[in-house]
Every structure is written in C-alpha cells, then in structure tokens.
Amino acid sequence: LVELYIMYGEVARLLAQRGVRVVRN
C-alpha cells in the first residue's frame, strides 16, 4: 500500500497539471 500511495500522489499531481479535477478516489 505504501507504493500505491506514492503512485497516487504522482497521479494526482499529473492530473492537476492537466486540468482534471479529482473529486473522489
């Protein structure tokens, strides 16, 4: 799970930069 959280953090930042609003996860 620790690796999944690292990946989610990266995904969240990348999506924010691309204008995607993550409202649920």
PDB file of all heavy atoms in Angstrom:
ATOM      1  N   LEU A   1       0.819  -1.207   0.000  1.00  0.00           N
ATOM      2  CA  LEU A   1       0.000   0.000   0.000  1.00  0.00           C
ATOM      3  C   LEU A   1       0.855   1.260   0.000  1.00  0.00           C
ATOM      4  O   LEU A   1       0.474   2.281  -0.589  1.00  0.00           O
ATOM      5  CB  LEU A   1      -0.948  -0.005   1.207  1.00  0.00           C
ATOM      6  CG  LEU A   1      -2.074   1.030   1.231  1.00  0.00           C
ATOM      7  CD1 LEU A   1      -2.941   0.926  -0.018  1.00  0.00           C
ATOM      8  CD2 LEU A   1      -2.916   0.861   2.490  1.00  0.00           C
ATOM      9  N   VAL A   2       2.003   1.197   0.641  1.00  0.00           N
ATOM     10  CA  VAL A   2       2.873   2.372   0.663  1.00  0.00           C
ATOM     11  C   VAL A   2       3.277   2.762  -0.757  1.00  0.00           C
ATOM     12  O   VAL A   2       3.361   3.961  -1.081  1.00  0.00           O
ATOM     13  CB  VAL A   2       4.117   2.124   1.551  1.00  0.00           C
ATOM     14  CG1 VAL A   2       5.008   1.032   0.974  1.00  0.00           C
ATOM     15  CG2 VAL A   2       4.917   3.409   1.749  1.00  0.00           C
ATOM     16  N   GLU A   3       3.495   1.777  -1.627  1.00  0.00           N
ATOM     17  CA  GLU A   3       3.846   2.082  -3.020  1.00  0.00           C
ATOM     18  C   GLU A   3       2.633   2.618  -3.788  1.00  0.00           C
ATOM     19  O   GLU A   3       2.771   3.483  -4.652  1.00  0.00           O
ATOM     20  CB  GLU A   3       4.413   0.832  -3.698  1.00  0.00           C
ATOM     21  CG  GLU A   3       5.736   0.377  -3.096  1.00  0.00           C
ATOM     22  CD  GLU A   3       6.268  -0.885  -3.752  1.00  0.00           C
ATOM     23  OE1 GLU A   3       5.909  -1.161  -4.925  1.00  0.00           O
ATOM     24  OE2 GLU A   3       7.051  -1.614  -3.093  1.00  0.00           O
ATOM     25  N   LEU A   4       1.455   2.099  -3.470  1.00  0.00           N
ATOM     26  CA  LEU A   4       0.250   2.597  -4.132  1.00  0.00           C
ATOM     27  C   LEU A   4      -0.001   4.059  -3.777  1.00  0.00           C
ATOM     28  O   LEU A   4      -0.429   4.851  -4.626  1.00  0.00           O
ATOM     29  CB  LEU A   4      -0.959   1.745  -3.750  1.00  0.00           C
ATOM     30  CG  LEU A   4      -0.951   0.287  -4.218  1.00  0.00           C
ATOM     31  CD1 LEU A   4      -2.225  -0.422  -3.770  1.00  0.00           C
ATOM     32  CD2 LEU A   4      -0.797   0.196  -5.732  1.00  0.00           C
ATOM     33  N   TYR A   5       0.273   4.422  -2.536  1.00  0.00           N
ATOM     34  CA  TYR A   5       0.103   5.826  -2.142  1.00  0.00           C
ATOM     35  C   TYR A   5       1.116   6.724  -2.858  1.00  0.00           C
ATOM     36  O   TYR A   5       0.797   7.852  -3.245  1.00  0.00           O
ATOM     37  CB  TYR A   5       0.224   5.983  -0.630  1.00  0.00           C
ATOM     38  CG  TYR A   5      -1.023   5.578   0.117  1.00  0.00           C
ATOM     39  CD1 TYR A   5      -0.961   4.705   1.200  1.00  0.00           C
ATOM     40  CD2 TYR A   5      -2.273   6.072  -0.245  1.00  0.00           C
ATOM     41  CE1 TYR A   5      -2.105   4.330   1.891  1.00  0.00           C
ATOM     42  CE2 TYR A   5      -3.415   5.697   0.435  1.00  0.00           C
ATOM     43  CZ  TYR A   5      -3.333   4.831   1.513  1.00  0.00           C
ATOM     44  OH  TYR A   5      -4.473   4.465   2.196  1.00  0.00           O
ATOM     45  N   ILE A   6       2.328   6.232  -3.012  1.00  0.00           N
ATOM     46  CA  ILE A   6       3.320   7.002  -3.773  1.00  0.00           C
ATOM     47  C   ILE A   6       2.821   7.216  -5.192  1.00  0.00           C
ATOM     48  O   ILE A   6       2.863   8.334  -5.732  1.00  0.00           O
ATOM     49  CB  ILE A   6       4.684   6.270  -3.784  1.00  0.00           C
ATOM     50  CG1 ILE A   6       5.298   6.283  -2.383  1.00  0.00           C
ATOM     51  CG2 ILE A   6       5.639   6.924  -4.793  1.00  0.00           C
ATOM     52  CD1 ILE A   6       6.548   5.410  -2.256  1.00  0.00           C
ATOM     53  N   MET A   7       2.309   6.157  -5.805  1.00  0.00           N
ATOM     54  CA  MET A   7       1.795   6.267  -7.168  1.00  0.00           C
ATOM     55  C   MET A   7       0.603   7.215  -7.238  1.00  0.00           C
ATOM     56  O   MET A   7       0.480   8.014  -8.177  1.00  0.00           O
ATOM     57  CB  MET A   7       1.402   4.884  -7.688  1.00  0.00           C
ATOM     58  CG  MET A   7       2.575   4.017  -8.103  1.00  0.00           C
ATOM     59  SD  MET A   7       3.460   4.697  -9.543  1.00  0.00           S
ATOM     60  CE  MET A   7       2.180   4.606 -10.792  1.00  0.00           C
ATOM     61  N   TYR A   8      -0.288   7.126  -6.252  1.00  0.00           N
ATOM     62  CA  TYR A   8      -1.457   8.013  -6.284  1.00  0.00           C
ATOM     63  C   TYR A   8      -1.038   9.473  -6.176  1.00  0.00           C
ATOM     64  O   TYR A   8      -1.602  10.350  -6.843  1.00  0.00           O
ATOM     65  CB  TYR A   8      -2.452   7.680  -5.173  1.00  0.00           C
ATOM     66  CG  TYR A   8      -3.641   8.612  -5.222  1.00  0.00           C
ATOM     67  CD1 TYR A   8      -4.642   8.445  -6.182  1.00  0.00           C
ATOM     68  CD2 TYR A   8      -3.741   9.695  -4.356  1.00  0.00           C
ATOM     69  CE1 TYR A   8      -5.705   9.325  -6.273  1.00  0.00           C
ATOM     70  CE2 TYR A   8      -4.808  10.584  -4.445  1.00  0.00           C
ATOM     71  CZ  TYR A   8      -5.781  10.390  -5.401  1.00  0.00           C
ATOM     72  OH  TYR A   8      -6.826  11.270  -5.498  1.00  0.00           O
ATOM     73  N   GLY A   9      -0.048   9.733  -5.340  1.00  0.00           N
ATOM     74  CA  GLY A   9       0.436  11.107  -5.223  1.00  0.00           C
ATOM     75  C   GLY A   9       0.954  11.635  -6.546  1.00  0.00           C
ATOM     76  O   GLY A   9       0.691  12.788  -6.924  1.00  0.00           O
ATOM     77  N   GLU A  10       1.670  10.790  -7.267  1.00  0.00           N
ATOM     78  CA  GLU A  10       2.176  11.195  -8.587  1.00  0.00           C
ATOM     79  C   GLU A  10       1.024  11.405  -9.571  1.00  0.00           C
ATOM     80  O   GLU A  10       0.992  12.394 -10.318  1.00  0.00           O
ATOM     81  CB  GLU A  10       3.137  10.137  -9.131  1.00  0.00           C
ATOM     82  CG  GLU A  10       4.404   9.946  -8.306  1.00  0.00           C
ATOM     83  CD  GLU A  10       5.312  11.174  -8.327  1.00  0.00           C
ATOM     84  OE1 GLU A  10       5.152  12.020  -9.229  1.00  0.00           O
ATOM     85  OE2 GLU A  10       6.183  11.278  -7.446  1.00  0.00           O
ATOM     86  N   VAL A  11       0.064  10.482  -9.570  1.00  0.00           N
ATOM     87  CA  VAL A  11      -1.083  10.594 -10.473  1.00  0.00           C
ATOM     88  C   VAL A  11      -1.880  11.858 -10.182  1.00  0.00           C
ATOM     89  O   VAL A  11      -2.283  12.582 -11.106  1.00  0.00           O
ATOM     90  CB  VAL A  11      -1.977   9.342 -10.345  1.00  0.00           C
ATOM     91  CG1 VAL A  11      -3.338   9.586 -10.995  1.00  0.00           C
ATOM     92  CG2 VAL A  11      -1.294   8.129 -10.974  1.00  0.00           C
ATOM     93  N   ALA A  12      -2.118  12.135  -8.915  1.00  0.00           N
ATOM     94  CA  ALA A  12      -2.907  13.318  -8.544  1.00  0.00           C
ATOM     95  C   ALA A  12      -2.247  14.602  -9.031  1.00  0.00           C
ATOM     96  O   ALA A  12      -2.918  15.504  -9.556  1.00  0.00           O
ATOM     97  CB  ALA A  12      -3.100  13.352  -7.026  1.00  0.00           C
ATOM     98  N   ARG A  13      -0.922  14.681  -8.876  1.00  0.00           N
ATOM     99  CA  ARG A  13      -0.212  15.887  -9.330  1.00  0.00           C
ATOM    100  C   ARG A  13      -0.279  16.020 -10.860  1.00  0.00           C
ATOM    101  O   ARG A  13      -0.509  17.108 -11.396  1.00  0.00           O
ATOM    102  CB  ARG A  13       1.236  15.851  -8.856  1.00  0.00           C
ATOM    103  CG  ARG A  13       1.408  16.273  -7.397  1.00  0.00           C
ATOM    104  CD  ARG A  13       2.875  16.373  -7.016  1.00  0.00           C
ATOM    105  NE  ARG A  13       3.472  15.057  -6.823  1.00  0.00           N
ATOM    106  CZ  ARG A  13       3.446  14.396  -5.666  1.00  0.00           C
ATOM    107  NH1 ARG A  13       2.806  14.902  -4.626  1.00  0.00           N
ATOM    108  NH2 ARG A  13       4.029  13.207  -5.558  1.00  0.00           N
ATOM    109  N   LEU A  14      -0.096  14.911 -11.536  1.00  0.00           N
ATOM    110  CA  LEU A  14      -0.123  14.948 -13.001  1.00  0.00           C
ATOM    111  C   LEU A  14      -1.511  15.330 -13.525  1.00  0.00           C
ATOM    112  O   LEU A  14      -1.639  16.114 -14.477  1.00  0.00           O
ATOM    113  CB  LEU A  14       0.281  13.588 -13.562  1.00  0.00           C
ATOM    114  CG  LEU A  14       1.765  13.216 -13.394  1.00  0.00           C
ATOM    115  CD1 LEU A  14       1.971  11.738 -13.661  1.00  0.00           C
ATOM    116  CD2 LEU A  14       2.633  14.058 -14.330  1.00  0.00           C
ATOM    117  N   LEU A  15      -2.547  14.809 -12.911  1.00  0.00           N
ATOM    118  CA  LEU A  15      -3.904  15.139 -13.351  1.00  0.00           C
ATOM    119  C   LEU A  15      -4.228  16.601 -13.079  1.00  0.00           C
ATOM    120  O   LEU A  15      -4.884  17.267 -13.891  1.00  0.00           O
ATOM    121  CB  LEU A  15      -4.921  14.222 -12.663  1.00  0.00           C
ATOM    122  CG  LEU A  15      -4.891  12.752 -13.100  1.00  0.00           C
ATOM    123  CD1 LEU A  15      -5.885  11.937 -12.284  1.00  0.00           C
ATOM    124  CD2 LEU A  15      -5.197  12.618 -14.588  1.00  0.00           C
ATOM    125  N   ALA A  16      -3.769  17.101 -11.946  1.00  0.00           N
ATOM    126  CA  ALA A  16      -3.991  18.518 -11.636  1.00  0.00           C
ATOM    127  C   ALA A  16      -3.342  19.413 -12.689  1.00  0.00           C
ATOM    128  O   ALA A  16      -3.925  20.414 -13.124  1.00  0.00           O
ATOM    129  CB  ALA A  16      -3.452  18.845 -10.249  1.00  0.00           C
ATOM    130  N   GLN A  17      -2.135  19.040 -13.079  1.00  0.00           N
ATOM    131  CA  GLN A  17      -1.428  19.822 -14.100  1.00  0.00           C
ATOM    132  C   GLN A  17      -2.153  19.790 -15.447  1.00  0.00           C
ATOM    133  O   GLN A  17      -2.057  20.729 -16.229  1.00  0.00           O
ATOM    134  CB  GLN A  17      -0.007  19.279 -14.270  1.00  0.00           C
ATOM    135  CG  GLN A  17       0.883  19.493 -13.063  1.00  0.00           C
ATOM    136  CD  GLN A  17       2.185  18.700 -13.144  1.00  0.00           C
ATOM    137  OE1 GLN A  17       2.481  18.087 -14.180  1.00  0.00           O
ATOM    138  NE2 GLN A  17       2.943  18.684 -12.060  1.00  0.00           N
ATOM    139  N   ARG A  18      -2.905  18.713 -15.685  1.00  0.00           N
ATOM    140  CA  ARG A  18      -3.620  18.565 -16.963  1.00  0.00           C
ATOM    141  C   ARG A  18      -5.052  19.075 -16.881  1.00  0.00           C
ATOM    142  O   ARG A  18      -5.834  18.904 -17.825  1.00  0.00           O
ATOM    143  CB  ARG A  18      -3.611  17.097 -17.379  1.00  0.00           C
ATOM    144  CG  ARG A  18      -2.201  16.498 -17.527  1.00  0.00           C
ATOM    145  CD  ARG A  18      -1.508  16.955 -18.792  1.00  0.00           C
ATOM    146  NE  ARG A  18      -2.105  16.349 -19.952  1.00  0.00           N
ATOM    147  CZ  ARG A  18      -1.727  15.177 -20.469  1.00  0.00           C
ATOM    148  NH1 ARG A  18      -0.733  14.495 -19.910  1.00  0.00           N
ATOM    149  NH2 ARG A  18      -2.313  14.699 -21.549  1.00  0.00           N
ATOM    150  N   GLY A  19      -5.425  19.685 -15.757  1.00  0.00           N
ATOM    151  CA  GLY A  19      -6.756  20.274 -15.620  1.00  0.00           C
ATOM    152  C   GLY A  19      -7.859  19.297 -15.287  1.00  0.00           C
ATOM    153  O   GLY A  19      -9.041  19.579 -15.505  1.00  0.00           O
ATOM    154  N   VAL A  20      -7.506  18.124 -14.727  1.00  0.00           N
ATOM    155  CA  VAL A  20      -8.510  17.142 -14.312  1.00  0.00           C
ATOM    156  C   VAL A  20      -8.750  17.288 -12.816  1.00  0.00           C
ATOM    157  O   VAL A  20      -7.809  17.223 -12.015  1.00  0.00           O
ATOM    158  CB  VAL A  20      -8.050  15.704 -14.637  1.00  0.00           C
ATOM    159  CG1 VAL A  20      -9.135  14.704 -14.239  1.00  0.00           C
ATOM    160  CG2 VAL A  20      -7.725  15.576 -16.123  1.00  0.00           C
ATOM    161  N   ARG A  21     -10.000  17.491 -12.418  1.00  0.00           N
ATOM    162  CA  ARG A  21     -10.346  17.707 -11.011  1.00  0.00           C
ATOM    163  C   ARG A  21     -10.746  16.378 -10.371  1.00  0.00           C
ATOM    164  O   ARG A  21     -11.833  15.847 -10.636  1.00  0.00           O
ATOM    165  CB  ARG A  21     -11.489  18.711 -10.892  1.00  0.00           C
ATOM    166  CG  ARG A  21     -11.171  20.095 -11.433  1.00  0.00           C
ATOM    167  CD  ARG A  21     -12.315  21.068 -11.166  1.00  0.00           C
ATOM    168  NE  ARG A  21     -13.526  20.672 -11.870  1.00  0.00           N
ATOM    169  CZ  ARG A  21     -13.843  21.055 -13.106  1.00  0.00           C
ATOM    170  NH1 ARG A  21     -13.006  21.846 -13.790  1.00  0.00           N
ATOM    171  NH2 ARG A  21     -14.972  20.664 -13.677  1.00  0.00           N
ATOM    172  N   VAL A  22      -9.892  15.838  -9.521  1.00  0.00           N
ATOM    173  CA  VAL A  22     -10.197  14.576  -8.835  1.00  0.00           C
ATOM    174  C   VAL A  22     -11.080  14.885  -7.628  1.00  0.00           C
ATOM    175  O   VAL A  22     -10.637  15.504  -6.670  1.00  0.00           O
ATOM    176  CB  VAL A  22      -8.914  13.859  -8.383  1.00  0.00           C
ATOM    177  CG1 VAL A  22      -9.270  12.553  -7.671  1.00  0.00           C
ATOM    178  CG2 VAL A  22      -8.004  13.592  -9.572  1.00  0.00           C
ATOM    179  N   VAL A  23     -12.325  14.446  -7.666  1.00  0.00           N
ATOM    180  CA  VAL A  23     -13.261  14.751  -6.585  1.00  0.00           C
ATOM    181  C   VAL A  23     -13.581  13.530  -5.718  1.00  0.00           C
ATOM    182  O   VAL A  23     -14.122  13.681  -4.620  1.00  0.00           O
ATOM    183  CB  VAL A  23     -14.562  15.360  -7.138  1.00  0.00           C
ATOM    184  CG1 VAL A  23     -14.284  16.715  -7.772  1.00  0.00           C
ATOM    185  CG2 VAL A  23     -15.231  14.434  -8.150  1.00  0.00           C
ATOM    186  N   ARG A  24     -13.302  12.340  -6.202  1.00  0.00           N
ATOM    187  CA  ARG A  24     -13.452  11.121  -5.405  1.00  0.00           C
ATOM    188  C   ARG A  24     -12.318  10.178  -5.800  1.00  0.00           C
ATOM    189  O   ARG A  24     -11.822  10.224  -6.928  1.00  0.00           O
ATOM    190  CB  ARG A  24     -14.787  10.411  -5.670  1.00  0.00           C
ATOM    191  CG  ARG A  24     -16.034  11.257  -5.445  1.00  0.00           C
ATOM    192  CD  ARG A  24     -16.276  11.569  -3.981  1.00  0.00           C
ATOM    193  NE  ARG A  24     -17.579  12.191  -3.835  1.00  0.00           N
ATOM    194  CZ  ARG A  24     -17.819  13.499  -4.011  1.00  0.00           C
ATOM    195  NH1 ARG A  24     -16.824  14.312  -4.356  1.00  0.00           N
ATOM    196  NH2 ARG A  24     -19.035  13.985  -3.848  1.00  0.00           N
ATOM    197  N   ASN A  25     -11.908   9.300  -4.886  1.00  0.00           N
ATOM    198  CA  ASN A  25     -10.829   8.368  -5.234  1.00  0.00           C
ATOM    199  C   ASN A  25     -10.899   7.090  -4.431  1.00  0.00           C
ATOM    200  O   ASN A  25     -11.520   7.039  -3.358  1.00  0.00           O
ATOM    201  CB  ASN A  25      -9.463   9.035  -5.027  1.00  0.00           C
ATOM    202  CG  ASN A  25      -9.161   9.271  -3.563  1.00  0.00           C
ATOM    203  OD1 ASN A  25      -8.834   8.344  -2.831  1.00  0.00           O
ATOM    204  ND2 ASN A  25      -9.290  10.512  -3.113  1.00  0.00           N
TER     205      ASN A  25
END
